[in-house]
Amino acid sequence: MGMNCAALTDFTFSFRGFARRGGDTDVHSHGWGLCFYDGKGLRAFHDSEPAADSLLAEFLQTHPVKTFNMVSHIRYATRGAVRLENVHPFQREMWGISWCFAHNGDVSYFDRNIFAGNDADCPTNTPKVNELNRSCVKIPWIGKSIGVEDTGERYYNPIGKTDSEAMFCSLLNALRARFDTLPSLPVLHAAIASLCNEVVALDSQYDGTTIFNFLLGCGPHIQFAYSWPGSREGSKVWNGLHYLVREPPFGSAHLSDCDYSINFASVTKDDDRVAVIATSPLTDDEDWVEVKKGQLILFDDGLPHLAPDDCFEAELREHGLESDAVPRNPQLEVDMRRYQLRKEFFQGAAI
């Protein structure tokens, strides 16, 4: 589940329903986690117990905290044991910015039991994956689609054994190799979309089993959502992504996973707007939009931005990547010319 807001907002209503799916109304009982941005800082809560039974999850439901940007996850373990190190969202620092990542699905290309047997740096006399191999292995490389070849360096490496964390580290490794200055949001959107296409292009090697849905937080305002949906073998459950935007005029909403409603009109202001993203709709009386297959959306200010040039709106709100460690370059107007953005779009924006 993700939430992205125009004004500081608490997530207790949506998280109340979402947590029930962690072992009560659904089978995702192998741990849960939640990250939310507090300025440039990132507060993180993780538990290997089911969210429906977790005292920590209950605390977050009953003690409202406000944020512009939040990512949460309930885990159904398909790779990696039920341990804290395998609980999403995963976090890393890159370019002096806190990034967090939550994934729903399976991507065999990043399955340690598959790629661990193919690493030349690990001593082995047999193609069979042994324990020595498993402890000495480089995660797969992606990046050819954005012009970066594998030099052998892996700056980011997983702590646990999930395909999800390996994928997150590979994504960051590619972006770090591609950019030595902070990219504008349109350029970042295009780069991440290319990397996603690179991953799903490998699907044919694994009998079409790739399910690749993720939320990626990159700072206090920006959240990416990507969907490559599907169902696991033998399951009728559709794993994709849905979202809605709540904005004035506000109405009431009722949670799908428990009998709980709220009248947002009584607790909101005119400048409030919230985007909520989830695998399946969290409420049963609102209109949710399913993210299209292969679609990457940037959320900022509670709004979805579907294409790279749409992301200039977030830049003009001064919500682009910001760091004291890495400079911005090229200048935003260079990227505007590169995308042939209409002059009237940014005229008067002091650029």
Protein backbone atom coordinates (compact mmCIF):
# COMPACT_ATOMS: atom_id res chain seq x y z
CA MET A 1 0.00 0.00 0.00
CA GLY A 2 1.20 3.49 -0.76
CA MET A 3 -0.10 6.93 0.07
CA ASN A 4 0.96 10.23 -1.48
CA CYS A 5 -0.50 13.55 -0.33
CA ALA A 6 -0.77 17.23 -1.15
CA ALA A 7 -0.92 18.15 2.54
CA LEU A 8 0.35 16.35 5.62
CA THR A 9 -2.07 13.46 6.17
CA ASP A 10 -2.31 10.49 8.52
CA PHE A 11 -2.69 6.98 7.12
CA THR A 12 -4.65 5.32 9.94
CA PHE A 13 -7.86 4.71 7.97
CA SER A 14 -6.28 2.93 4.99
CA PHE A 15 -3.72 1.09 7.13
CA ARG A 16 -6.50 -0.21 9.40
CA GLY A 17 -8.02 -2.12 6.49
CA PHE A 18 -4.71 -3.02 4.89
CA ALA A 19 -3.40 -4.63 8.10
CA ARG A 20 -6.38 -7.02 8.21
CA ARG A 21 -5.04 -8.61 5.04
CA GLY A 22 -1.96 -9.64 6.98
CA GLY A 23 -3.34 -12.93 8.30
CA ASP A 24 -7.03 -12.17 8.83
CA THR A 25 -8.87 -11.53 5.56
CA ASP A 26 -5.92 -12.68 3.42
CA VAL A 27 -2.93 -15.03 3.64
CA HIS A 28 -0.16 -12.42 3.70
CA SER A 29 0.88 -13.37 7.23
CA HIS A 30 4.68 -13.53 6.94
CA GLY A 31 5.51 -10.08 8.26
CA TRP A 32 4.75 -6.49 7.46
CA GLY A 33 6.51 -3.16 7.22
CA LEU A 34 5.77 0.53 6.85
CA CYS A 35 7.97 3.50 5.93
CA PHE A 36 6.97 7.13 5.89
CA TYR A 37 8.94 10.27 5.19
CA ASP A 38 9.40 12.91 7.87
CA GLY A 39 11.11 15.72 6.00
CA LYS A 40 14.19 14.15 4.42
CA GLY A 41 14.20 11.45 7.08
CA LEU A 42 12.54 8.06 6.73
CA ARG A 43 10.79 6.42 9.67
CA ALA A 44 10.62 2.63 9.34
CA PHE A 45 8.60 -0.03 11.19
CA HIS A 46 9.05 -3.76 10.52
CA ASP A 47 7.70 -6.92 12.14
CA SER A 48 8.00 -10.57 11.12
CA GLU A 49 4.65 -11.31 12.81
CA PRO A 50 1.33 -11.09 10.91
CA ALA A 51 0.08 -7.53 10.63
CA ALA A 52 -3.39 -8.55 11.83
CA ASP A 53 -1.92 -9.71 15.16
CA SER A 54 0.91 -7.21 15.54
CA LEU A 55 0.87 -4.83 18.50
CA LEU A 56 3.16 -2.52 16.54
CA ALA A 57 0.67 -2.41 13.65
CA GLU A 58 -2.12 -1.72 16.13
CA PHE A 59 -0.08 1.15 17.57
CA LEU A 60 0.20 2.77 14.14
CA GLN A 61 -3.55 2.39 13.57
CA THR A 62 -4.40 4.15 16.83
CA HIS A 63 -1.68 6.83 16.95
CA PRO A 64 -2.09 9.09 13.89
CA VAL A 65 1.10 10.39 12.34
CA LYS A 66 1.13 12.66 9.31
CA THR A 67 3.26 12.51 6.19
CA PHE A 68 3.32 13.46 2.52
CA ASN A 69 4.58 10.06 1.39
CA MET A 70 4.19 6.52 2.77
CA VAL A 71 4.87 2.93 1.60
CA SER A 72 3.66 -0.20 3.40
CA HIS A 73 3.74 -3.94 2.67
CA ILE A 74 2.32 -7.21 4.00
CA ARG A 75 4.34 -10.26 3.05
CA TYR A 76 3.45 -13.63 1.60
CA ALA A 77 6.78 -15.46 1.56
CA THR A 78 7.67 -17.15 -1.73
CA ARG A 79 11.45 -16.62 -1.54
CA GLY A 80 13.38 -16.16 1.68
CA ALA A 81 12.43 -17.39 5.14
CA VAL A 82 10.02 -15.63 7.49
CA ARG A 83 12.63 -13.37 9.06
CA LEU A 84 12.87 -9.67 9.73
CA GLU A 85 15.59 -9.11 7.12
CA ASN A 86 13.17 -10.31 4.41
CA VAL A 87 10.36 -7.93 5.35
CA HIS A 88 9.54 -5.04 2.99
CA PRO A 89 9.82 -2.09 2.48
CA PHE A 90 13.58 -2.18 1.97
CA GLN A 91 15.56 1.02 2.36
CA ARG A 92 18.81 2.41 0.99
CA GLU A 93 20.54 5.79 0.73
CA MET A 94 21.47 6.94 -2.77
CA TRP A 95 22.64 10.43 -3.77
CA GLY A 96 22.01 11.62 -0.22
CA ILE A 97 18.32 10.63 -0.52
CA SER A 98 16.43 7.91 1.37
CA TRP A 99 14.80 5.41 -1.01
CA CYS A 100 12.33 2.69 -0.03
CA PHE A 101 10.89 -0.17 -2.07
CA ALA A 102 8.04 -2.68 -1.70
CA HIS A 103 7.29 -5.40 -4.24
CA ASN A 104 4.39 -7.78 -4.84
CA GLY A 105 5.04 -10.73 -7.14
CA ASP A 106 7.78 -13.06 -8.32
CA VAL A 107 10.70 -12.31 -10.64
CA SER A 108 12.72 -15.47 -11.28
CA TYR A 109 15.63 -13.52 -12.78
CA PHE A 110 16.35 -12.29 -9.25
CA ASP A 111 15.76 -15.64 -7.51
CA ARG A 112 18.95 -16.39 -5.59
CA ASN A 113 18.60 -20.13 -6.14
CA ILE A 114 18.70 -19.51 -9.89
CA PHE A 115 21.37 -16.84 -10.29
CA ALA A 116 23.69 -18.06 -7.49
CA GLY A 117 24.99 -20.95 -9.59
CA ASN A 118 26.13 -18.69 -12.43
CA ASP A 119 28.71 -16.44 -10.78
CA ALA A 120 32.28 -16.79 -12.01
CA ASP A 121 33.73 -15.19 -8.89
CA CYS A 122 32.47 -17.99 -6.65
CA PRO A 123 34.57 -21.16 -6.39
CA THR A 124 32.60 -24.22 -7.42
CA ASN A 125 33.35 -27.53 -9.13
CA THR A 126 29.77 -28.36 -9.95
CA PRO A 127 26.89 -26.51 -11.54
CA LYS A 128 24.75 -27.45 -8.56
CA VAL A 129 24.20 -24.53 -6.19
CA ASN A 130 25.96 -25.37 -2.92
CA GLU A 131 26.12 -23.45 0.34
CA LEU A 132 29.45 -21.82 -0.58
CA ASN A 133 27.92 -20.55 -3.82
CA ARG A 134 24.95 -19.08 -2.03
CA SER A 135 27.16 -17.01 0.24
CA CYS A 136 29.43 -15.72 -2.53
CA VAL A 137 27.42 -14.35 -5.39
CA LYS A 138 26.78 -11.16 -7.31
CA ILE A 139 23.20 -10.15 -7.91
CA PRO A 140 22.17 -9.85 -11.57
CA TRP A 141 22.90 -6.69 -13.51
CA ILE A 142 20.36 -4.57 -15.32
CA GLY A 143 21.15 -1.31 -17.08
CA LYS A 144 21.84 -1.96 -20.76
CA SER A 145 18.57 -0.24 -21.61
CA ILE A 146 19.87 3.03 -20.12
CA GLY A 147 23.38 2.69 -21.48
CA VAL A 148 25.32 1.19 -18.57
CA GLU A 149 27.24 -2.06 -18.95
CA ASP A 150 28.15 -4.46 -16.16
CA THR A 151 31.59 -3.52 -14.80
CA GLY A 152 31.39 -6.09 -12.02
CA GLU A 153 30.78 -3.57 -9.25
CA ARG A 154 27.76 -4.04 -6.97
CA TYR A 155 27.53 -1.02 -4.69
CA TYR A 156 24.15 -2.11 -3.32
CA ASN A 157 23.64 -5.69 -2.14
CA PRO A 158 20.74 -7.47 -0.45
CA ILE A 159 20.78 -8.27 3.25
CA GLY A 160 18.05 -10.91 3.07
CA LYS A 161 17.23 -13.64 0.55
CA THR A 162 14.24 -12.25 -1.35
CA ASP A 163 14.09 -11.62 -5.08
CA SER A 164 12.47 -8.29 -4.19
CA GLU A 165 15.45 -6.87 -2.32
CA ALA A 166 17.86 -8.12 -4.98
CA MET A 167 15.73 -6.36 -7.59
CA PHE A 168 15.72 -3.12 -5.58
CA CYS A 169 19.50 -3.21 -5.26
CA SER A 170 19.93 -3.90 -8.97
CA LEU A 171 17.66 -0.97 -9.83
CA LEU A 172 19.69 1.38 -7.64
CA ASN A 173 22.99 0.02 -8.97
CA ALA A 174 21.90 0.82 -12.53
CA LEU A 175 20.69 4.34 -11.67
CA ARG A 176 23.86 5.07 -9.68
CA ALA A 177 26.00 3.93 -12.62
CA ARG A 178 24.00 5.99 -15.11
CA PHE A 179 23.82 9.34 -13.30
CA ASP A 180 26.58 11.25 -11.54
CA THR A 181 24.29 14.25 -11.03
CA LEU A 182 20.66 14.30 -9.90
CA PRO A 183 18.34 13.61 -12.84
CA SER A 184 15.16 15.62 -13.27
CA LEU A 185 11.97 13.69 -12.59
CA PRO A 186 11.10 13.25 -16.30
CA VAL A 187 14.55 11.77 -16.93
CA LEU A 188 14.27 9.56 -13.84
CA HIS A 189 10.82 8.37 -14.91
CA ALA A 190 12.13 7.46 -18.36
CA ALA A 191 15.15 5.63 -16.89
CA ILE A 192 13.09 3.58 -14.42
CA ALA A 193 10.57 2.73 -17.15
CA SER A 194 13.40 1.47 -19.35
CA LEU A 195 14.78 -0.68 -16.53
CA CYS A 196 11.32 -2.14 -15.90
CA ASN A 197 11.00 -3.01 -19.58
CA GLU A 198 14.41 -4.65 -19.40
CA VAL A 199 13.29 -6.85 -16.50
CA VAL A 200 9.98 -7.96 -18.01
CA ALA A 201 11.68 -8.66 -21.36
CA LEU A 202 13.36 -11.58 -19.59
CA ASP A 203 9.95 -13.08 -18.77
CA SER A 204 10.03 -15.49 -21.71
CA GLN A 205 12.98 -17.29 -20.11
CA TYR A 206 10.79 -18.18 -17.13
CA ASP A 207 7.61 -19.43 -18.83
CA GLY A 208 5.78 -16.15 -18.41
CA THR A 209 5.76 -16.33 -14.61
CA THR A 210 7.00 -12.79 -13.90
CA ILE A 211 4.76 -10.72 -11.62
CA PHE A 212 6.37 -7.34 -11.04
CA ASN A 213 4.42 -4.76 -9.07
CA PHE A 214 6.27 -2.26 -6.92
CA LEU A 215 6.14 1.02 -5.05
CA LEU A 216 9.31 3.12 -4.90
CA GLY A 217 9.66 6.11 -2.59
CA CYS A 218 12.46 8.56 -3.37
CA GLY A 219 12.26 11.42 -0.94
CA PRO A 220 9.53 13.23 0.97
CA HIS A 221 7.21 13.89 -2.01
CA ILE A 222 7.79 11.41 -4.83
CA GLN A 223 6.52 7.84 -5.18
CA PHE A 224 6.66 5.62 -8.26
CA ALA A 225 4.22 2.76 -8.90
CA TYR A 226 4.79 0.10 -11.58
CA SER A 227 2.62 -2.87 -12.51
CA TRP A 228 3.29 -6.04 -14.44
CA PRO A 229 0.38 -8.06 -13.06
CA GLY A 230 -0.45 -11.76 -13.05
CA SER A 231 -1.55 -14.78 -11.05
CA ARG A 232 0.70 -17.38 -9.48
CA GLU A 233 0.40 -20.95 -10.72
CA GLY A 234 -2.62 -22.64 -9.15
CA SER A 235 -3.99 -19.37 -7.78
CA LYS A 236 -6.97 -17.33 -8.87
CA VAL A 237 -5.72 -14.22 -7.06
CA TRP A 238 -4.85 -11.39 -9.45
CA ASN A 239 -1.73 -9.52 -8.36
CA GLY A 240 -1.75 -6.03 -9.82
CA LEU A 241 -2.07 -2.45 -8.60
CA HIS A 242 -5.03 -0.09 -8.16
CA TYR A 243 -5.19 3.53 -7.08
CA LEU A 244 -7.64 6.29 -6.31
CA VAL A 245 -7.38 10.02 -5.67
CA ARG A 246 -9.45 11.55 -2.87
CA GLU A 247 -9.99 15.28 -3.28
CA PRO A 248 -12.74 17.87 -2.73
CA PRO A 249 -15.63 17.43 -2.54
CA PHE A 250 -14.91 14.66 -0.05
CA GLY A 251 -17.41 11.94 0.84
CA SER A 252 -17.57 8.83 2.97
CA ALA A 253 -15.63 5.59 2.50
CA HIS A 254 -16.07 2.06 3.90
CA LEU A 255 -13.20 -0.41 4.25
CA SER A 256 -13.47 -3.73 2.40
CA ASP A 257 -11.67 -5.77 5.06
CA CYS A 258 -13.49 -4.62 8.18
CA ASP A 259 -16.69 -2.84 9.07
CA TYR A 260 -15.28 0.66 9.42
CA SER A 261 -16.29 3.89 7.70
CA ILE A 262 -15.25 7.51 7.77
CA ASN A 263 -16.75 10.72 6.46
CA PHE A 264 -13.75 12.50 5.00
CA ALA A 265 -15.72 15.72 4.62
CA SER A 266 -15.63 16.11 8.41
CA VAL A 267 -11.86 15.61 8.80
CA THR A 268 -10.37 17.28 5.70
CA LYS A 269 -9.59 20.76 4.41
CA ASP A 270 -9.99 22.31 0.97
CA ASP A 271 -6.30 21.89 0.14
CA ASP A 272 -6.22 18.16 0.98
CA ARG A 273 -5.73 15.57 -1.73
CA VAL A 274 -4.56 11.98 -1.24
CA ALA A 275 -3.63 9.22 -3.67
CA VAL A 276 -3.85 5.69 -2.27
CA ILE A 277 -2.27 2.73 -4.08
CA ALA A 278 -2.93 -0.93 -3.24
CA THR A 279 -2.85 -4.39 -4.81
CA SER A 280 -6.64 -4.51 -4.67
CA PRO A 281 -9.10 -1.79 -3.64
CA LEU A 282 -9.16 -1.09 0.09
CA THR A 283 -12.71 0.31 0.05
CA ASP A 284 -15.92 -1.07 -1.42
CA ASP A 285 -17.72 2.18 -2.19
CA GLU A 286 -15.14 4.21 -4.12
CA ASP A 287 -13.98 4.14 -7.74
CA TRP A 288 -10.50 2.64 -8.03
CA VAL A 289 -8.37 2.64 -11.19
CA GLU A 290 -6.32 -0.40 -12.15
CA VAL A 291 -2.76 0.43 -13.23
CA LYS A 292 -2.25 -0.79 -16.78
CA LYS A 293 0.16 -3.59 -17.55
CA GLY A 294 3.63 -2.12 -18.03
CA GLN A 295 2.61 1.33 -16.78
CA LEU A 296 4.88 3.43 -14.55
CA ILE A 297 3.19 6.25 -12.63
CA LEU A 298 4.87 9.01 -10.66
CA PHE A 299 2.75 10.25 -7.76
CA ASP A 300 3.33 13.70 -6.32
CA ASP A 301 1.04 16.07 -4.45
CA GLY A 302 -1.62 13.34 -4.46
CA LEU A 303 -1.70 13.30 -8.27
CA PRO A 304 -0.71 10.62 -10.82
CA HIS A 305 1.74 11.58 -13.57
CA LEU A 306 1.62 8.99 -16.31
CA ALA A 307 4.37 10.05 -18.74
CA PRO A 308 7.83 11.61 -18.45
CA ASP A 309 6.77 15.06 -19.64
CA ASP A 310 3.91 15.07 -17.09
CA CYS A 311 6.56 14.92 -14.36
CA PHE A 312 7.63 18.51 -15.04
CA GLU A 313 4.61 19.55 -12.98
CA ALA A 314 6.25 18.03 -9.90
CA GLU A 315 9.51 19.79 -10.72
CA LEU A 316 7.69 23.13 -10.94
CA ARG A 317 6.25 22.43 -7.48
CA GLU A 318 9.89 22.12 -6.35
CA HIS A 319 9.38 18.46 -5.50
CA GLY A 320 12.24 17.15 -7.62
CA LEU A 321 15.17 15.22 -6.20
CA GLU A 322 17.07 17.28 -3.63
CA SER A 323 20.42 16.53 -2.03
CA ASP A 324 23.28 18.31 -0.33
CA ALA A 325 25.66 15.62 -1.58
CA VAL A 326 25.03 15.44 -5.34
CA PRO A 327 24.46 18.43 -7.66
CA ARG A 328 21.57 18.81 -10.10
CA ASN A 329 22.56 18.73 -13.75
CA PRO A 330 21.53 19.33 -16.46
CA GLN A 331 19.47 22.37 -15.64
CA LEU A 332 15.74 21.81 -15.76
CA GLU A 333 15.28 24.01 -18.82
CA VAL A 334 17.67 21.73 -20.76
CA ASP A 335 15.39 18.77 -20.09
CA MET A 336 12.38 20.88 -21.01
CA ARG A 337 13.88 21.55 -24.42
CA ARG A 338 14.85 17.88 -24.72
CA TYR A 339 11.21 16.88 -24.20
CA GLN A 340 10.00 19.76 -26.41
CA LEU A 341 7.80 21.02 -23.62
CA ARG A 342 5.43 23.81 -24.57
CA LYS A 343 6.73 27.18 -23.42
CA GLU A 344 3.36 28.24 -22.03
CA PHE A 345 3.47 25.27 -19.64
CA PHE A 346 6.31 26.72 -17.59
CA GLN A 347 6.11 30.40 -18.49
CA GLY A 348 6.12 32.48 -15.32
CA ALA A 349 7.60 29.67 -13.22
CA ALA A 350 10.87 31.60 -12.62
CA ILE A 351 12.89 29.10 -14.64
